[in-house]
PDB file of N, CA and C in Angstrom:
ATOM      1  N   UNK A   1       1.616  -0.379   5.806  1.00  0.00           N
ATOM      2  CA  UNK A   1       1.288  -1.542   4.974  1.00  0.00           C
ATOM      3  C   UNK A   1       0.105  -2.575   5.482  1.00  0.00           C
ATOM      4  N   UNK A   2      -1.161  -2.523   5.156  1.00  0.00           N
ATOM      5  CA  UNK A   2      -1.774  -3.777   5.364  1.00  0.00           C
ATOM      6  C   UNK A   2      -1.983  -5.662   4.491  1.00  0.00           C
ATOM      7  N   UNK A   3      -2.053  -6.095   4.979  1.00  0.00           N
ATOM      8  CA  UNK A   3      -2.493  -8.085   4.329  1.00  0.00           C
ATOM      9  C   UNK A   3      -3.030  -8.203   5.587  1.00  0.00           C
ATOM     10  N   UNK A   4      -3.912  -8.984   5.102  1.00  0.00           N
ATOM     11  CA  UNK A   4      -5.365 -10.458   5.292  1.00  0.00           C
ATOM     12  C   UNK A   4      -4.222 -11.357   5.750  1.00  0.00           C
ATOM     13  N   UNK A   5      -4.367 -12.424   6.871  1.00  0.00           N
ATOM     14  CA  UNK A   5      -3.873 -13.673   7.056  1.00  0.00           C
ATOM     15  C   UNK A   5      -5.356 -14.077   6.677  1.00  0.00           C
ATOM     16  N   UNK A   6      -4.911 -15.600   6.023  1.00  0.00           N
ATOM     17  CA  UNK A   6      -5.977 -16.813   5.879  1.00  0.00           C
ATOM     18  C   UNK A   6      -5.869 -18.268   5.729  1.00  0.00           C
ATOM     19  N   UNK A   7      -6.428 -18.329   6.014  1.00  0.00           N
ATOM     20  CA  UNK A   7      -6.585 -19.806   6.232  1.00  0.00           C
ATOM     21  C   UNK A   7      -6.898 -20.952   5.498  1.00  0.00           C
ATOM     22  N   UNK A   8      -6.539 -21.052   3.620  1.00  0.00           N
ATOM     23  CA  UNK A   8      -7.223 -21.308   2.359  1.00  0.00           C
ATOM     24  C   UNK A   8      -7.848 -20.422   1.701  1.00  0.00           C
ATOM     25  N   UNK A   9      -9.376 -20.639   1.873  1.00  0.00           N
ATOM     26  CA  UNK A   9     -10.260 -19.282   2.295  1.00  0.00           C
ATOM     27  C   UNK A   9     -10.494 -18.505   3.038  1.00  0.00           C
ATOM     28  N   UNK A  10     -10.468 -19.011   3.805  1.00  0.00           N
ATOM     29  CA  UNK A  10     -11.124 -18.488   5.290  1.00  0.00           C
ATOM     30  C   UNK A  10     -10.158 -17.520   5.780  1.00  0.00           C
ATOM     31  N   UNK A  11     -10.612 -15.875   5.721  1.00  0.00           N
ATOM     32  CA  UNK A  11      -9.470 -15.175   6.333  1.00  0.00           C
ATOM     33  C   UNK A  11      -9.762 -15.524   7.680  1.00  0.00           C
ATOM     34  N   UNK A  12      -8.171 -15.408   8.403  1.00  0.00           N
ATOM     35  CA  UNK A  12      -8.529 -15.237  10.665  1.00  0.00           C
ATOM     36  C   UNK A  12      -8.758 -14.009  10.492  1.00  0.00           C
ATOM     37  N   UNK A  13      -7.746 -12.662   9.563  1.00  0.00           N
ATOM     38  CA  UNK A  13      -6.956 -11.796  10.477  1.00  0.00           C
ATOM     39  C   UNK A  13      -6.617 -10.490   9.743  1.00  0.00           C
ATOM     40  N   UNK A  14      -6.651  -9.383   9.815  1.00  0.00           N
ATOM     41  CA  UNK A  14      -6.225  -8.141   9.307  1.00  0.00           C
ATOM     42  C   UNK A  14      -4.250  -8.340   9.768  1.00  0.00           C
ATOM     43  N   UNK A  15      -3.933  -7.719   9.076  1.00  0.00           N
ATOM     44  CA  UNK A  15      -2.223  -7.082  10.063  1.00  0.00           C
ATOM     45  C   UNK A  15      -1.863  -5.924   9.075  1.00  0.00           C
ATOM     46  N   UNK A  16      -1.603  -5.006   9.508  1.00  0.00           N
ATOM     47  CA  UNK A  16      -1.136  -4.096   9.816  1.00  0.00           C
ATOM     48  C   UNK A  16       0.699  -4.037  10.220  1.00  0.00           C
ATOM     49  N   UNK A  17       1.640  -3.345   9.525  1.00  0.00           N
ATOM     50  CA  UNK A  17       2.851  -3.376   9.696  1.00  0.00           C
ATOM     51  C   UNK A  17       3.628  -2.342   9.514  1.00  0.00           C
ATOM     52  N   UNK A  18       3.756  -1.487  10.221  1.00  0.00           N
ATOM     53  CA  UNK A  18       4.131  -0.373  10.430  1.00  0.00           C
ATOM     54  C   UNK A  18       5.468  -0.442  11.098  1.00  0.00           C
ATOM     55  N   UNK A  19       6.584   0.047  10.401  1.00  0.00           N
ATOM     56  CA  UNK A  19       8.152   0.731  10.401  1.00  0.00           C
ATOM     57  C   UNK A  19       8.732   2.010   9.985  1.00  0.00           C
ATOM     58  N   UNK A  20       9.500   1.873  10.875  1.00  0.00           N
ATOM     59  CA  UNK A  20      10.544   3.545  11.368  1.00  0.00           C
ATOM     60  C   UNK A  20       9.260   4.726  11.820  1.00  0.00           C
ATOM     61  N   UNK A  21       9.122   5.785  12.030  1.00  0.00           N
ATOM     62  CA  UNK A  21       8.972   7.331  13.478  1.00  0.00           C
ATOM     63  C   UNK A  21       7.921   6.598  13.137  1.00  0.00           C
ATOM     64  N   UNK A  22       6.601   6.898  14.302  1.00  0.00           N
ATOM     65  CA  UNK A  22       4.875   7.348  14.302  1.00  0.00           C
ATOM     66  C   UNK A  22       5.365   8.797  14.815  1.00  0.00           C
ATOM     67  N   UNK A  23       5.628   9.423  13.258  1.00  0.00           N
ATOM     68  CA  UNK A  23       5.293  10.347  14.220  1.00  0.00           C
ATOM     69  C   UNK A  23       3.982  11.895  13.651  1.00  0.00           C
ATOM     70  N   UNK A  24       3.793  13.231  13.518  1.00  0.00           N
ATOM     71  CA  UNK A  24       2.854  13.391  13.105  1.00  0.00           C
ATOM     72  C   UNK A  24       2.567  13.541  11.143  1.00  0.00           C
ATOM     73  N   UNK A  25       4.280  12.947  10.894  1.00  0.00           N
ATOM     74  CA  UNK A  25       3.776  12.266   9.560  1.00  0.00           C
ATOM     75  C   UNK A  25       2.587  11.445   9.042  1.00  0.00           C
ATOM     76  N   UNK A  26       3.144  10.659   9.866  1.00  0.00           N
ATOM     77  CA  UNK A  26       2.517   9.279   9.731  1.00  0.00           C
ATOM     78  C   UNK A  26       1.470   9.057  10.393  1.00  0.00           C
ATOM     79  N   UNK A  27       1.620   9.537  11.426  1.00  0.00           N
ATOM     80  CA  UNK A  27      -1.174   9.198  12.315  1.00  0.00           C
ATOM     81  C   UNK A  27      -1.591   9.435  11.326  1.00  0.00           C
ATOM     82  N   UNK A  28      -2.033   9.484   9.899  1.00  0.00           N
ATOM     83  CA  UNK A  28      -3.467   9.644   9.201  1.00  0.00           C
ATOM     84  C   UNK A  28      -2.866   8.425   8.643  1.00  0.00           C
ATOM     85  N   UNK A  29      -1.159   8.609   7.678  1.00  0.00           N
ATOM     86  CA  UNK A  29      -1.262   6.854   7.361  1.00  0.00           C
ATOM     87  C   UNK A  29      -2.072   5.492   8.553  1.00  0.00           C
ATOM     88  N   UNK A  30      -1.812   5.501   9.859  1.00  0.00           N
ATOM     89  CA  UNK A  30      -1.076   4.462  10.527  1.00  0.00           C
ATOM     90  C   UNK A  30      -3.179   4.732  11.013  1.00  0.00           C
ATOM     91  N   UNK A  31      -3.581   6.096  10.814  1.00  0.00           N
ATOM     92  CA  UNK A  31      -4.602   6.240  11.437  1.00  0.00           C
ATOM     93  C   UNK A  31      -6.018   5.198  10.256  1.00  0.00           C
ATOM     94  N   UNK A  32      -5.005   5.459   9.617  1.00  0.00           N
ATOM     95  CA  UNK A  32      -6.342   5.064   8.141  1.00  0.00           C
ATOM     96  C   UNK A  32      -6.516   3.461   8.221  1.00  0.00           C
ATOM     97  N   UNK A  33      -4.791   3.103   7.769  1.00  0.00           N
ATOM     98  CA  UNK A  33      -4.670   1.686   8.202  1.00  0.00           C
ATOM     99  C   UNK A  33      -5.472   0.540   9.064  1.00  0.00           C
ATOM    100  N   UNK A  34      -5.146   1.402  10.874  1.00  0.00           N
ATOM    101  CA  UNK A  34      -6.385   0.097  11.085  1.00  0.00           C
ATOM    102  C   UNK A  34      -7.108   0.665  10.999  1.00  0.00           C
ATOM    103  N   UNK A  35      -8.055   2.392  10.804  1.00  0.00           N
ATOM    104  CA  UNK A  35      -9.891   1.615  10.630  1.00  0.00           C
ATOM    105  C   UNK A  35      -9.908   1.501   9.525  1.00  0.00           C
ATOM    106  N   UNK A  36      -9.452   0.979   8.404  1.00  0.00           N
ATOM    107  CA  UNK A  36      -9.642   0.481   7.853  1.00  0.00           C
ATOM    108  C   UNK A  36      -9.711  -1.375   7.549  1.00  0.00           C
ATOM    109  N   UNK A  37      -8.505  -1.399   8.972  1.00  0.00           N
ATOM    110  CA  UNK A  37      -8.536  -3.391   9.092  1.00  0.00           C
ATOM    111  C   UNK A  37     -10.087  -3.321   9.949  1.00  0.00           C
ATOM    112  N   UNK A  38     -10.323  -2.375  10.748  1.00  0.00           N
ATOM    113  CA  UNK A  38     -11.375  -3.350  10.903  1.00  0.00           C
ATOM    114  C   UNK A  38     -12.231  -2.604  10.702  1.00  0.00           C
ATOM    115  N   UNK A  39     -12.647  -2.332   9.750  1.00  0.00           N
ATOM    116  CA  UNK A  39     -13.765  -2.203   9.004  1.00  0.00           C
ATOM    117  C   UNK A  39     -13.618  -4.026   7.666  1.00  0.00           C
ATOM    118  N   UNK A  40     -13.287  -4.188   8.139  1.00  0.00           N
ATOM    119  CA  UNK A  40     -13.078  -5.534   7.368  1.00  0.00           C
ATOM    120  C   UNK A  40     -14.197  -6.659   7.642  1.00  0.00           C
ATOM    121  N   UNK A  41     -15.115  -6.327   6.399  1.00  0.00           N
ATOM    122  CA  UNK A  41     -16.620  -7.441   7.583  1.00  0.00           C
ATOM    123  C   UNK A  41     -15.997  -8.923   8.091  1.00  0.00           C
ATOM    124  N   UNK A  42     -16.879 -10.039   8.393  1.00  0.00           N
ATOM    125  CA  UNK A  42     -16.054 -11.458   8.819  1.00  0.00           C
ATOM    126  C   UNK A  42     -14.738 -11.232   9.189  1.00  0.00           C
ATOM    127  N   UNK A  43     -14.130 -10.606  10.700  1.00  0.00           N
ATOM    128  CA  UNK A  43     -12.437 -11.102  10.343  1.00  0.00           C
ATOM    129  C   UNK A  43     -12.437 -10.173  12.199  1.00  0.00           C
ATOM    130  N   UNK A  44     -11.849 -11.105  13.164  1.00  0.00           N
ATOM    131  CA  UNK A  44     -11.854 -11.186  14.678  1.00  0.00           C
ATOM    132  C   UNK A  44     -10.976  -9.161  15.001  1.00  0.00           C
ATOM    133  N   UNK A  45     -10.303  -8.680  14.244  1.00  0.00           N
ATOM    134  CA  UNK A  45      -9.066  -7.705  14.573  1.00  0.00           C
ATOM    135  C   UNK A  45      -7.983  -7.718  13.623  1.00  0.00           C
ATOM    136  N   UNK A  46      -7.087  -6.706  14.237  1.00  0.00           N
ATOM    137  CA  UNK A  46      -6.438  -6.516  13.197  1.00  0.00           C
ATOM    138  C   UNK A  46      -5.228  -6.739  14.489  1.00  0.00           C
ATOM    139  N   UNK A  47      -3.968  -7.318  14.007  1.00  0.00           N
ATOM    140  CA  UNK A  47      -3.537  -7.299  14.753  1.00  0.00           C
ATOM    141  C   UNK A  47      -2.265  -6.117  13.614  1.00  0.00           C
ATOM    142  N   UNK A  48      -1.145  -5.026  14.998  1.00  0.00           N
ATOM    143  CA  UNK A  48      -0.846  -4.657  14.247  1.00  0.00           C
ATOM    144  C   UNK A  48       1.376  -4.492  15.021  1.00  0.00           C
ATOM    145  N   UNK A  49       1.783  -5.155  13.735  1.00  0.00           N
ATOM    146  CA  UNK A  49       2.758  -5.315  14.111  1.00  0.00           C
ATOM    147  C   UNK A  49       3.805  -4.501  14.095  1.00  0.00           C
ATOM    148  N   UNK A  50       4.194  -3.611  14.711  1.00  0.00           N
ATOM    149  CA  UNK A  50       4.940  -2.354  15.706  1.00  0.00           C
ATOM    150  C   UNK A  50       6.503  -2.532  16.070  1.00  0.00           C
ATOM    151  N   UNK A  51       6.890  -4.191  15.570  1.00  0.00           N
ATOM    152  CA  UNK A  51       8.549  -4.857  16.384  1.00  0.00           C
ATOM    153  C   UNK A  51       9.673  -3.391  14.971  1.00  0.00           C
ATOM    154  N   UNK A  52       9.477  -3.301  13.984  1.00  0.00           N
ATOM    155  CA  UNK A  52      10.353  -2.201  13.289  1.00  0.00           C
ATOM    156  C   UNK A  52       9.621  -0.908  13.462  1.00  0.00           C
ATOM    157  N   UNK A  53       8.910  -0.126  14.834  1.00  0.00           N
ATOM    158  CA  UNK A  53       8.789   1.042  14.440  1.00  0.00           C
ATOM    159  C   UNK A  53      10.027   0.992  15.706  1.00  0.00           C
ATOM    160  N   UNK A  54      10.381   2.831  15.513  1.00  0.00           N
ATOM    161  CA  UNK A  54      12.280   3.358  15.503  1.00  0.00           C
ATOM    162  C   UNK A  54      11.802   4.361  16.601  1.00  0.00           C
ATOM    163  N   UNK A  55      10.657   5.001  16.708  1.00  0.00           N
ATOM    164  CA  UNK A  55       9.841   6.613  17.369  1.00  0.00           C
ATOM    165  C   UNK A  55       8.338   5.688  17.584  1.00  0.00           C
ATOM    166  N   UNK A  56       7.925   6.934  18.233  1.00  0.00           N
ATOM    167  CA  UNK A  56       6.314   6.907  18.625  1.00  0.00           C
ATOM    168  C   UNK A  56       5.905   8.266  19.088  1.00  0.00           C
ATOM    169  N   UNK A  57       5.359   9.296  18.588  1.00  0.00           N
ATOM    170  CA  UNK A  57       5.092  10.394  19.333  1.00  0.00           C
ATOM    171  C   UNK A  57       3.813  10.668  20.100  1.00  0.00           C
ATOM    172  N   UNK A  58       3.080  12.323  20.454  1.00  0.00           N
ATOM    173  CA  UNK A  58       2.471  11.327  21.075  1.00  0.00           C
ATOM    174  C   UNK A  58       0.843  11.153  20.148  1.00  0.00           C
ATOM    175  N   UNK A  59       1.315  11.649  19.383  1.00  0.00           N
ATOM    176  CA  UNK A  59      -0.312  11.258  18.177  1.00  0.00           C
ATOM    177  C   UNK A  59      -0.290  10.297  17.455  1.00  0.00           C
ATOM    178  N   UNK A  60       1.191   9.543  17.915  1.00  0.00           N
ATOM    179  CA  UNK A  60       0.617   7.929  17.959  1.00  0.00           C
ATOM    180  C   UNK A  60       0.466   6.683  18.283  1.00  0.00           C
ATOM    181  N   UNK A  61       0.285   7.734  20.177  1.00  0.00           N
ATOM    182  CA  UNK A  61      -0.495   6.774  20.905  1.00  0.00           C
ATOM    183  C   UNK A  61      -1.647   7.471  20.717  1.00  0.00           C
ATOM    184  N   UNK A  62      -2.300   8.058  20.508  1.00  0.00           N
ATOM    185  CA  UNK A  62      -3.370   8.423  20.667  1.00  0.00           C
ATOM    186  C   UNK A  62      -4.160   7.966  19.149  1.00  0.00           C
ATOM    187  N   UNK A  63      -3.120   7.924  18.311  1.00  0.00           N
ATOM    188  CA  UNK A  63      -4.145   7.058  17.299  1.00  0.00           C
ATOM    189  C   UNK A  63      -3.891   4.931  17.785  1.00  0.00           C
ATOM    190  N   UNK A  64      -3.639   5.220  18.742  1.00  0.00           N
ATOM    191  CA  UNK A  64      -3.169   3.556  19.258  1.00  0.00           C
ATOM    192  C   UNK A  64      -4.737   3.031  20.102  1.00  0.00           C
ATOM    193  N   UNK A  65      -4.417   5.051  21.084  1.00  0.00           N
ATOM    194  CA  UNK A  65      -5.277   5.067  21.568  1.00  0.00           C
ATOM    195  C   UNK A  65      -7.233   4.432  21.094  1.00  0.00           C
ATOM    196  N   UNK A  66      -7.025   5.298  19.972  1.00  0.00           N
ATOM    197  CA  UNK A  66      -8.645   5.460  19.482  1.00  0.00           C
ATOM    198  C   UNK A  66      -9.133   4.547  18.698  1.00  0.00           C
ATOM    199  N   UNK A  67      -8.105   3.822  17.742  1.00  0.00           N
ATOM    200  CA  UNK A  67      -7.840   2.530  17.481  1.00  0.00           C
ATOM    201  C   UNK A  67      -8.552   1.183  18.376  1.00  0.00           C
ATOM    202  N   UNK A  68      -8.115   1.171  19.631  1.00  0.00           N
ATOM    203  CA  UNK A  68      -8.361   0.258  20.605  1.00  0.00           C
ATOM    204  C   UNK A  68      -9.884   0.574  20.704  1.00  0.00           C
ATOM    205  N   UNK A  69      -9.856   1.192  21.480  1.00  0.00           N
ATOM    206  CA  UNK A  69     -11.047   2.007  21.627  1.00  0.00           C
ATOM    207  C   UNK A  69     -12.452   1.673  20.353  1.00  0.00           C
ATOM    208  N   UNK A  70     -11.853   2.014  19.140  1.00  0.00           N
ATOM    209  CA  UNK A  70     -12.779   1.408  18.262  1.00  0.00           C
ATOM    210  C   UNK A  70     -12.929  -0.014  17.996  1.00  0.00           C
ATOM    211  N   UNK A  71     -12.337  -0.487  18.277  1.00  0.00           N
ATOM    212  CA  UNK A  71     -12.316  -2.502  18.161  1.00  0.00           C
ATOM    213  C   UNK A  71     -13.084  -2.995  19.467  1.00  0.00           C
ATOM    214  N   UNK A  72     -12.638  -2.300  20.266  1.00  0.00           N
ATOM    215  CA  UNK A  72     -13.632  -2.901  21.971  1.00  0.00           C
ATOM    216  C   UNK A  72     -14.846  -2.241  20.977  1.00  0.00           C
ATOM    217  N   UNK A  73     -15.459  -0.431  20.731  1.00  0.00           N
ATOM    218  CA  UNK A  73     -16.402  -0.869  20.706  1.00  0.00           C
ATOM    219  C   UNK A  73     -17.450  -2.351  19.690  1.00  0.00           C
ATOM    220  N   UNK A  74     -16.542  -2.907  18.470  1.00  0.00           N
ATOM    221  CA  UNK A  74     -16.578  -2.860  17.263  1.00  0.00           C
ATOM    222  C   UNK A  74     -16.679  -4.265  17.903  1.00  0.00           C
ATOM    223  N   UNK A  75     -16.698  -4.845  19.332  1.00  0.00           N
ATOM    224  CA  UNK A  75     -16.496  -6.082  19.885  1.00  0.00           C
ATOM    225  C   UNK A  75     -14.927  -7.109  18.438  1.00  0.00           C
ATOM    226  N   UNK A  76     -14.751  -6.216  18.348  1.00  0.00           N
ATOM    227  CA  UNK A  76     -13.186  -7.096  17.699  1.00  0.00           C
ATOM    228  C   UNK A  76     -11.869  -6.488  19.209  1.00  0.00           C
ATOM    229  N   UNK A  77     -10.884  -6.919  18.378  1.00  0.00           N
ATOM    230  CA  UNK A  77      -9.204  -6.782  18.962  1.00  0.00           C
ATOM    231  C   UNK A  77      -8.075  -6.062  18.177  1.00  0.00           C
ATOM    232  N   UNK A  78      -7.447  -5.358  18.726  1.00  0.00           N
ATOM    233  CA  UNK A  78      -6.488  -5.132  18.142  1.00  0.00           C
ATOM    234  C   UNK A  78      -5.315  -5.714  19.202  1.00  0.00           C
ATOM    235  N   UNK A  79      -4.439  -6.462  18.691  1.00  0.00           N
ATOM    236  CA  UNK A  79      -2.892  -6.461  19.231  1.00  0.00           C
ATOM    237  C   UNK A  79      -2.601  -7.050  18.290  1.00  0.00           C
ATOM    238  N   UNK A  80      -0.908  -5.712  19.423  1.00  0.00           N
ATOM    239  CA  UNK A  80      -0.395  -4.447  19.126  1.00  0.00           C
ATOM    240  C   UNK A  80       1.070  -6.147  19.484  1.00  0.00           C
ATOM    241  N   UNK A  81       2.132  -6.017  17.954  1.00  0.00           N
ATOM    242  CA  UNK A  81       3.121  -7.175  18.395  1.00  0.00           C
ATOM    243  C   UNK A  81       5.055  -6.352  18.563  1.00  0.00           C
ATOM    244  N   UNK A  82       5.256  -6.317  19.731  1.00  0.00           N
ATOM    245  CA  UNK A  82       6.294  -5.058  20.132  1.00  0.00           C
ATOM    246  C   UNK A  82       6.926  -6.289  20.848  1.00  0.00           C
ATOM    247  N   UNK A  83       7.978  -6.186  20.611  1.00  0.00           N
ATOM    248  CA  UNK A  83       9.732  -6.804  21.100  1.00  0.00           C
ATOM    249  C   UNK A  83      10.340  -5.884  22.538  1.00  0.00           C
ATOM    250  N   UNK A  84       9.355  -5.299  23.036  1.00  0.00           N
ATOM    251  CA  UNK A  84       9.712  -3.780  24.025  1.00  0.00           C
ATOM    252  C   UNK A  84      10.100  -3.243  23.253  1.00  0.00           C
ATOM    253  N   UNK A  85       9.914  -3.051  22.633  1.00  0.00           N
ATOM    254  CA  UNK A  85      10.434  -1.128  21.635  1.00  0.00           C
ATOM    255  C   UNK A  85       9.724  -0.279  22.444  1.00  0.00           C
ATOM    256  N   UNK A  86      10.191   0.730  21.170  1.00  0.00           N
ATOM    257  CA  UNK A  86       9.686   2.133  21.563  1.00  0.00           C
ATOM    258  C   UNK A  86       8.502   2.638  21.640  1.00  0.00           C
ATOM    259  N   UNK A  87       6.892   1.379  20.705  1.00  0.00           N
ATOM    260  CA  UNK A  87       5.772   2.132  21.658  1.00  0.00           C
ATOM    261  C   UNK A  87       5.459   0.995  22.529  1.00  0.00           C
ATOM    262  N   UNK A  88       6.322  -0.794  23.901  1.00  0.00           N
ATOM    263  CA  UNK A  88       5.335  -0.692  24.502  1.00  0.00           C
ATOM    264  C   UNK A  88       6.528   0.469  25.826  1.00  0.00           C
ATOM    265  N   UNK A  89       7.486   1.030  24.962  1.00  0.00           N
ATOM    266  CA  UNK A  89       8.270   2.136  26.212  1.00  0.00           C
ATOM    267  C   UNK A  89       7.502   3.919  26.574  1.00  0.00           C
ATOM    268  N   UNK A  90       6.435   3.745  25.219  1.00  0.00           N
ATOM    269  CA  UNK A  90       5.759   4.663  25.422  1.00  0.00           C
ATOM    270  C   UNK A  90       4.565   4.742  25.860  1.00  0.00           C
ATOM    271  N   UNK A  91       3.878   3.018  26.453  1.00  0.00           N
ATOM    272  CA  UNK A  91       2.690   3.049  26.758  1.00  0.00           C
ATOM    273  C   UNK A  91       2.898   2.732  28.106  1.00  0.00           C
ATOM    274  N   UNK A  92       4.198   2.006  28.247  1.00  0.00           N
ATOM    275  CA  UNK A  92       4.142   1.429  29.677  1.00  0.00           C
ATOM    276  C   UNK A  92       4.267   3.813  30.851  1.00  0.00           C
ATOM    277  N   UNK A  93       5.570   4.046  29.435  1.00  0.00           N
ATOM    278  CA  UNK A  93       5.305   5.638  30.496  1.00  0.00           C
ATOM    279  C   UNK A  93       4.312   6.629  30.528  1.00  0.00           C
ATOM    280  N   UNK A  94       2.859   6.290  29.226  1.00  0.00           N
ATOM    281  CA  UNK A  94       1.767   6.916  30.361  1.00  0.00           C
ATOM    282  C   UNK A  94       0.636   6.001  31.079  1.00  0.00           C
ATOM    283  N   UNK A  95       1.396   5.084  31.368  1.00  0.00           N
ATOM    284  CA  UNK A  95       0.943   3.542  32.633  1.00  0.00           C
ATOM    285  C   UNK A  95      -0.648   3.416  31.704  1.00  0.00           C
ATOM    286  N   UNK A  96      -0.266   2.672  29.919  1.00  0.00           N
ATOM    287  CA  UNK A  96      -1.901   2.519  29.475  1.00  0.00           C
ATOM    288  C   UNK A  96      -1.175   0.403  28.950  1.00  0.00           C
ATOM    289  N   UNK A  97      -0.129   0.175  29.261  1.00  0.00           N
ATOM    290  CA  UNK A  97      -0.429  -0.551  28.883  1.00  0.00           C
ATOM    291  C   UNK A  97      -0.894  -2.496  29.112  1.00  0.00           C
ATOM    292  N   UNK A  98      -1.745  -2.014  30.178  1.00  0.00           N
ATOM    293  CA  UNK A  98      -2.207  -2.171  30.999  1.00  0.00           C
ATOM    294  C   UNK A  98      -4.383  -2.626  30.025  1.00  0.00           C
ATOM    295  N   UNK A  99      -4.108  -1.594  28.817  1.00  0.00           N
ATOM    296  CA  UNK A  99      -5.606  -1.636  28.391  1.00  0.00           C
ATOM    297  C   UNK A  99      -4.912  -2.210  26.717  1.00  0.00           C
ATOM    298  N   UNK A 100      -3.861  -2.161  26.723  1.00  0.00           N
ATOM    299  CA  UNK A 100      -3.532  -2.711  25.209  1.00  0.00           C
ATOM    300  C   UNK A 100      -3.463  -4.664  25.621  1.00  0.00           C
ATOM    301  N   UNK A 101      -3.635  -5.060  24.383  1.00  0.00           N
ATOM    302  CA  UNK A 101      -3.305  -6.247  23.585  1.00  0.00           C
ATOM    303  C   UNK A 101      -1.835  -6.457  23.385  1.00  0.00           C
ATOM    304  N   UNK A 102      -1.024  -6.920  24.191  1.00  0.00           N
ATOM    305  CA  UNK A 102       0.260  -7.073  23.925  1.00  0.00           C
ATOM    306  C   UNK A 102       0.846  -7.949  23.387  1.00  0.00           C
ATOM    307  N   UNK A 103       2.086  -8.566  22.447  1.00  0.00           N
ATOM    308  CA  UNK A 103       2.125  -9.745  22.419  1.00  0.00           C
ATOM    309  C   UNK A 103       3.601  -9.371  22.026  1.00  0.00           C
ATOM    310  N   UNK A 104       4.485 -10.899  22.259  1.00  0.00           N
ATOM    311  CA  UNK A 104       5.942 -10.435  21.750  1.00  0.00           C
ATOM    312  C   UNK A 104       6.401 -11.893  20.855  1.00  0.00           C
ATOM    313  N   UNK A 105       5.551 -12.330  20.723  1.00  0.00           N
ATOM    314  CA  UNK A 105       5.255 -13.692  19.893  1.00  0.00           C
ATOM    315  C   UNK A 105       4.298 -14.479  19.932  1.00  0.00           C
ATOM    316  N   UNK A 106       3.948 -14.557  18.641  1.00  0.00           N
ATOM    317  CA  UNK A 106       3.020 -15.198  17.939  1.00  0.00           C
ATOM    318  C   UNK A 106       2.723 -16.612  17.992  1.00  0.00           C
ATOM    319  N   UNK A 107       1.091 -16.883  18.600  1.00  0.00           N
ATOM    320  CA  UNK A 107       1.085 -18.075  18.249  1.00  0.00           C
ATOM    321  C   UNK A 107       0.223 -18.288  17.155  1.00  0.00           C
ATOM    322  N   UNK A 108      -0.268 -19.704  17.011  1.00  0.00           N
ATOM    323  CA  UNK A 108      -1.424 -20.538  16.466  1.00  0.00           C
ATOM    324  C   UNK A 108      -2.480 -19.610  16.803  1.00  0.00           C
ATOM    325  N   UNK A 109      -2.992 -20.071  18.024  1.00  0.00           N
ATOM    326  CA  UNK A 109      -4.246 -19.037  18.299  1.00  0.00           C
ATOM    327  C   UNK A 109      -4.530 -17.876  18.180  1.00  0.00           C
ATOM    328  N   UNK A 110      -2.508 -16.485  18.394  1.00  0.00           N
ATOM    329  CA  UNK A 110      -3.210 -15.395  17.408  1.00  0.00           C
ATOM    330  C   UNK A 110      -3.633 -15.429  15.744  1.00  0.00           C
ATOM    331  N   UNK A 111      -3.148 -15.930  15.850  1.00  0.00           N
ATOM    332  CA  UNK A 111      -3.067 -16.349  14.291  1.00  0.00           C
ATOM    333  C   UNK A 111      -4.674 -16.475  13.349  1.00  0.00           C
TER     334      UNK A 111
END
């Protein structure tokens, strides 16, 4: 699910919320949502909320890597919101945590 965070008329960022399994069936939809969000003009990046994700496979991790590279190349940011769940665990197991911006708490500066 994709939505936009706004402050009056000013768009602050695109928010993608994902729940359930990020398996081979879901990776295409996730990639489309993230890449579409990164192409929205005039916004600094995408906030991906994965707190409701129950599991993530290799394909899902590959989508996150691709989206992170795409965001960096466009001068934008991919911020992952997770509460030490399966996404954080998968990235940690692959020694990729340092490559991503991950937060557990959303502050005003991240909104």
